Amino acid sequence: MDHGIAVELHFFLMSVLWGALVLLAYDQLRVIRRVIRHNTVAVAIQDVIFWIAASVFIFALIYVENSGMIRGFSIMGMAIGMILYHYILSDLIVTGLSRLIRLLLYPFNKLFKQLKKWAESFKILFAKIKARIRKAAAHKKGKND
């Protein structure tokens, strides 16, 4: 195989890999969104920041690997990598990682809910004690007058 063609093939395959890696990184953001709910504004801000960072990453890789020349086949390679990753691995990774994180956080979630119940119970108890103290103070003040 001609050396020039081998270099171009290597660059194309690297482009496919880069496309898959960009979506893998985006899937990590999707996992975080599944575990911790976000509103629409937060999602939009995260997306803008992510895609700016991804474009800088892609430009840096193209600059290093291909002297900064953006070639049509490299963009096509990234698109192919994204499409392959999306249809082959994306759902498995997002679902699997989301379930794993929720499973690992389950004991902490239960503990947090129990602590919340206890805090509510103490709040009610202290409110009753405070009311009795006020009532006793008002009653004592009434006797002293």
C-alpha atoms as a PDB file:
ATOM      1  CA  MET A   1       0.000   0.000   0.000  1.00  0.00           C
ATOM      2  CA  ASP A   2       1.267   3.446  -0.877  1.00  0.00           C
ATOM      3  CA  HIS A   3       2.542   5.414   2.129  1.00  0.00           C
ATOM      4  CA  GLY A   4       0.332   8.424   1.281  1.00  0.00           C
ATOM      5  CA  ILE A   5      -2.781   6.249   1.149  1.00  0.00           C
ATOM      6  CA  ALA A   6      -1.822   4.569   4.442  1.00  0.00           C
ATOM      7  CA  VAL A   7      -1.491   7.998   6.095  1.00  0.00           C
ATOM      8  CA  GLU A   8      -4.872   9.077   4.739  1.00  0.00           C
ATOM      9  CA  LEU A   9      -6.478   5.802   5.858  1.00  0.00           C
ATOM     10  CA  HIS A  10      -4.978   6.214   9.317  1.00  0.00           C
ATOM     11  CA  PHE A  11      -6.330   9.777   9.498  1.00  0.00           C
ATOM     12  CA  PHE A  12      -9.773   8.600   8.367  1.00  0.00           C
ATOM     13  CA  LEU A  13      -9.860   5.836  10.997  1.00  0.00           C
ATOM     14  CA  MET A  14      -8.717   8.329  13.652  1.00  0.00           C
ATOM     15  CA  SER A  15     -11.572  10.594  12.572  1.00  0.00           C
ATOM     16  CA  VAL A  16     -14.035   7.730  13.057  1.00  0.00           C
ATOM     17  CA  LEU A  17     -12.598   7.164  16.531  1.00  0.00           C
ATOM     18  CA  TRP A  18     -12.798  10.875  17.375  1.00  0.00           C
ATOM     19  CA  GLY A  19     -16.455  10.986  16.398  1.00  0.00           C
ATOM     20  CA  ALA A  20     -17.193   8.020  18.652  1.00  0.00           C
ATOM     21  CA  LEU A  21     -15.199   9.583  21.522  1.00  0.00           C
ATOM     22  CA  VAL A  22     -17.086  12.870  21.234  1.00  0.00           C
ATOM     23  CA  LEU A  23     -20.409  11.055  21.589  1.00  0.00           C
ATOM     24  CA  LEU A  24     -19.024   8.913  24.408  1.00  0.00           C
ATOM     25  CA  ALA A  25     -18.174  12.124  26.268  1.00  0.00           C
ATOM     26  CA  TYR A  26     -21.663  13.493  25.519  1.00  0.00           C
ATOM     27  CA  ASP A  27     -23.179  10.278  26.865  1.00  0.00           C
ATOM     28  CA  GLN A  28     -21.426  10.927  30.172  1.00  0.00           C
ATOM     29  CA  LEU A  29     -23.309  14.210  30.287  1.00  0.00           C
ATOM     30  CA  ARG A  30     -26.532  12.324  29.516  1.00  0.00           C
ATOM     31  CA  VAL A  31     -25.830   9.919  32.388  1.00  0.00           C
ATOM     32  CA  ILE A  32     -25.376  12.829  34.778  1.00  0.00           C
ATOM     33  CA  ARG A  33     -28.662  14.299  33.546  1.00  0.00           C
ATOM     34  CA  ARG A  34     -30.469  11.016  34.204  1.00  0.00           C
ATOM     35  CA  VAL A  35     -29.078  10.710  37.716  1.00  0.00           C
ATOM     36  CA  ILE A  36     -29.509  14.400  38.623  1.00  0.00           C
ATOM     37  CA  ARG A  37     -32.512  16.085  37.038  1.00  0.00           C
ATOM     38  CA  HIS A  38     -31.802  19.351  35.193  1.00  0.00           C
ATOM     39  CA  ASN A  39     -34.141  22.063  33.955  1.00  0.00           C
ATOM     40  CA  THR A  40     -34.215  23.154  30.318  1.00  0.00           C
ATOM     41  CA  VAL A  41     -31.968  26.181  30.813  1.00  0.00           C
ATOM     42  CA  ALA A  42     -29.273  24.124  32.549  1.00  0.00           C
ATOM     43  CA  VAL A  43     -29.389  21.522  29.767  1.00  0.00           C
ATOM     44  CA  ALA A  44     -29.045  24.240  27.105  1.00  0.00           C
ATOM     45  CA  ILE A  45     -26.078  25.834  28.879  1.00  0.00           C
ATOM     46  CA  GLN A  46     -24.401  22.438  29.334  1.00  0.00           C
ATOM     47  CA  ASP A  47     -24.930  21.616  25.660  1.00  0.00           C
ATOM     48  CA  VAL A  48     -23.420  24.896  24.470  1.00  0.00           C
ATOM     49  CA  ILE A  49     -20.381  24.470  26.743  1.00  0.00           C
ATOM     50  CA  PHE A  50     -19.971  20.826  25.686  1.00  0.00           C
ATOM     51  CA  TRP A  51     -20.116  21.490  21.961  1.00  0.00           C
ATOM     52  CA  ILE A  52     -17.709  24.427  22.232  1.00  0.00           C
ATOM     53  CA  ALA A  53     -15.275  22.178  24.109  1.00  0.00           C
ATOM     54  CA  ALA A  54     -15.837  19.358  21.584  1.00  0.00           C
ATOM     55  CA  SER A  55     -15.155  21.663  18.646  1.00  0.00           C
ATOM     56  CA  VAL A  56     -11.908  22.851  20.269  1.00  0.00           C
ATOM     57  CA  PHE A  57     -10.962  19.193  20.880  1.00  0.00           C
ATOM     58  CA  ILE A  58     -11.709  18.243  17.269  1.00  0.00           C
ATOM     59  CA  PHE A  59      -9.843  21.244  15.884  1.00  0.00           C
ATOM     60  CA  ALA A  60      -6.809  20.439  18.052  1.00  0.00           C
ATOM     61  CA  LEU A  61      -6.788  16.847  16.839  1.00  0.00           C
ATOM     62  CA  ILE A  62      -7.126  17.887  13.204  1.00  0.00           C
ATOM     63  CA  TYR A  63      -4.344  20.412  13.686  1.00  0.00           C
ATOM     64  CA  VAL A  64      -2.022  17.809  15.195  1.00  0.00           C
ATOM     65  CA  GLU A  65      -2.873  14.947  12.849  1.00  0.00           C
ATOM     66  CA  ASN A  66      -3.404  16.789   9.561  1.00  0.00           C
ATOM     67  CA  SER A  67      -1.598  20.137   9.909  1.00  0.00           C
ATOM     68  CA  GLY A  68      -4.887  21.942  10.464  1.00  0.00           C
ATOM     69  CA  MET A  69      -6.383  21.027   7.098  1.00  0.00           C
ATOM     70  CA  ILE A  70     -10.052  20.197   7.442  1.00  0.00           C
ATOM     71  CA  ARG A  71     -10.755  17.538   4.882  1.00  0.00           C
ATOM     72  CA  GLY A  72     -14.176  16.329   3.801  1.00  0.00           C
ATOM     73  CA  PHE A  73     -13.352  12.714   4.504  1.00  0.00           C
ATOM     74  CA  SER A  74     -12.304  13.570   8.080  1.00  0.00           C
ATOM     75  CA  ILE A  75     -15.681  15.190   8.740  1.00  0.00           C
ATOM     76  CA  MET A  76     -17.360  12.186   7.122  1.00  0.00           C
ATOM     77  CA  GLY A  77     -15.246   9.875   9.293  1.00  0.00           C
ATOM     78  CA  MET A  78     -16.323  11.706  12.465  1.00  0.00           C
ATOM     79  CA  ALA A  79     -19.944  11.520  11.373  1.00  0.00           C
ATOM     80  CA  ILE A  80     -19.579   7.783  10.694  1.00  0.00           C
ATOM     81  CA  GLY A  81     -17.967   7.293  14.117  1.00  0.00           C
ATOM     82  CA  MET A  82     -20.800   9.202  15.796  1.00  0.00           C
ATOM     83  CA  ILE A  83     -23.473   7.262  13.941  1.00  0.00           C
ATOM     84  CA  LEU A  84     -21.872   3.868  14.625  1.00  0.00           C
ATOM     85  CA  TYR A  85     -21.361   4.677  18.298  1.00  0.00           C
ATOM     86  CA  HIS A  86     -24.901   6.034  18.632  1.00  0.00           C
ATOM     87  CA  TYR A  87     -26.571   2.960  17.150  1.00  0.00           C
ATOM     88  CA  ILE A  88     -24.260   0.316  18.629  1.00  0.00           C
ATOM     89  CA  LEU A  89     -23.179   1.444  22.103  1.00  0.00           C
ATOM     90  CA  SER A  90     -24.857   4.664  23.191  1.00  0.00           C
ATOM     91  CA  ASP A  91     -28.053   3.257  24.731  1.00  0.00           C
ATOM     92  CA  LEU A  92     -26.180   0.423  26.436  1.00  0.00           C
ATOM     93  CA  ILE A  93     -23.658   2.767  28.010  1.00  0.00           C
ATOM     94  CA  VAL A  94     -26.142   5.430  29.114  1.00  0.00           C
ATOM     95  CA  THR A  95     -28.625   2.934  30.540  1.00  0.00           C
ATOM     96  CA  GLY A  96     -25.955   0.752  32.140  1.00  0.00           C
ATOM     97  CA  LEU A  97     -24.046   3.600  33.767  1.00  0.00           C
ATOM     98  CA  SER A  98     -27.243   5.306  34.942  1.00  0.00           C
ATOM     99  CA  ARG A  99     -28.433   2.107  36.593  1.00  0.00           C
ATOM    100  CA  LEU A 100     -25.017   1.450  38.139  1.00  0.00           C
ATOM    101  CA  ILE A 101     -24.789   4.944  39.613  1.00  0.00           C
ATOM    102  CA  ARG A 102     -28.354   4.766  40.943  1.00  0.00           C
ATOM    103  CA  LEU A 103     -27.580   1.366  42.464  1.00  0.00           C
ATOM    104  CA  LEU A 104     -24.441   2.720  44.125  1.00  0.00           C
ATOM    105  CA  LEU A 105     -26.306   5.790  45.392  1.00  0.00           C
ATOM    106  CA  TYR A 106     -29.339   3.799  46.612  1.00  0.00           C
ATOM    107  CA  PRO A 107     -28.086   3.331  50.218  1.00  0.00           C
ATOM    108  CA  PHE A 108     -27.261   7.023  50.468  1.00  0.00           C
ATOM    109  CA  ASN A 109     -30.667   7.928  49.065  1.00  0.00           C
ATOM    110  CA  LYS A 110     -32.393   5.731  51.680  1.00  0.00           C
ATOM    111  CA  LEU A 111     -30.232   7.227  54.445  1.00  0.00           C
ATOM    112  CA  PHE A 112     -31.008  10.749  53.250  1.00  0.00           C
ATOM    113  CA  LYS A 113     -34.758  10.036  53.227  1.00  0.00           C
ATOM    114  CA  GLN A 114     -34.551   8.566  56.749  1.00  0.00           C
ATOM    115  CA  LEU A 115     -32.603  11.570  58.001  1.00  0.00           C
ATOM    116  CA  LYS A 116     -35.209  13.823  56.438  1.00  0.00           C
ATOM    117  CA  LYS A 117     -37.977  11.959  58.299  1.00  0.00           C
ATOM    118  CA  TRP A 118     -36.056  12.225  61.573  1.00  0.00           C
ATOM    119  CA  ALA A 119     -35.446  15.932  61.013  1.00  0.00           C
ATOM    120  CA  GLU A 120     -39.168  16.436  60.422  1.00  0.00           C
ATOM    121  CA  SER A 121     -39.985  14.477  63.585  1.00  0.00           C
ATOM    122  CA  PHE A 122     -37.533  16.555  65.623  1.00  0.00           C
ATOM    123  CA  LYS A 123     -38.942  19.723  64.105  1.00  0.00           C
ATOM    124  CA  ILE A 124     -42.458  18.745  65.202  1.00  0.00           C
ATOM    125  CA  LEU A 125     -41.199  17.697  68.651  1.00  0.00           C
ATOM    126  CA  PHE A 126     -39.306  20.958  69.176  1.00  0.00           C
ATOM    127  CA  ALA A 127     -42.325  22.958  67.975  1.00  0.00           C
ATOM    128  CA  LYS A 128     -44.489  21.207  70.603  1.00  0.00           C
ATOM    129  CA  ILE A 129     -41.895  21.806  73.318  1.00  0.00           C
ATOM    130  CA  LYS A 130     -41.582  25.440  72.305  1.00  0.00           C
ATOM    131  CA  ALA A 131     -45.374  25.864  72.378  1.00  0.00           C
ATOM    132  CA  ARG A 132     -45.566  24.323  75.886  1.00  0.00           C
ATOM    133  CA  ILE A 133     -42.773  26.583  77.135  1.00  0.00           C
ATOM    134  CA  ARG A 134     -44.559  29.639  75.744  1.00  0.00           C
ATOM    135  CA  LYS A 135     -47.834  28.488  77.262  1.00  0.00           C
ATOM    136  CA  ALA A 136     -46.162  27.899  80.644  1.00  0.00           C
ATOM    137  CA  ALA A 137     -44.443  31.293  80.470  1.00  0.00           C
ATOM    138  CA  ALA A 138     -47.705  33.019  79.574  1.00  0.00           C
ATOM    139  CA  HIS A 139     -49.489  31.163  82.384  1.00  0.00           C
ATOM    140  CA  LYS A 140     -46.752  32.109  84.886  1.00  0.00           C
ATOM    141  CA  LYS A 141     -46.850  35.739  83.726  1.00  0.00           C
ATOM    142  CA  GLY A 142     -50.616  35.742  84.235  1.00  0.00           C
ATOM    143  CA  LYS A 143     -50.229  34.536  87.828  1.00  0.00           C
ATOM    144  CA  ASN A 144     -47.601  37.185  88.621  1.00  0.00           C
ATOM    145  CA  ASP A 145     -49.758  40.100  87.476  1.00  0.00           C
END
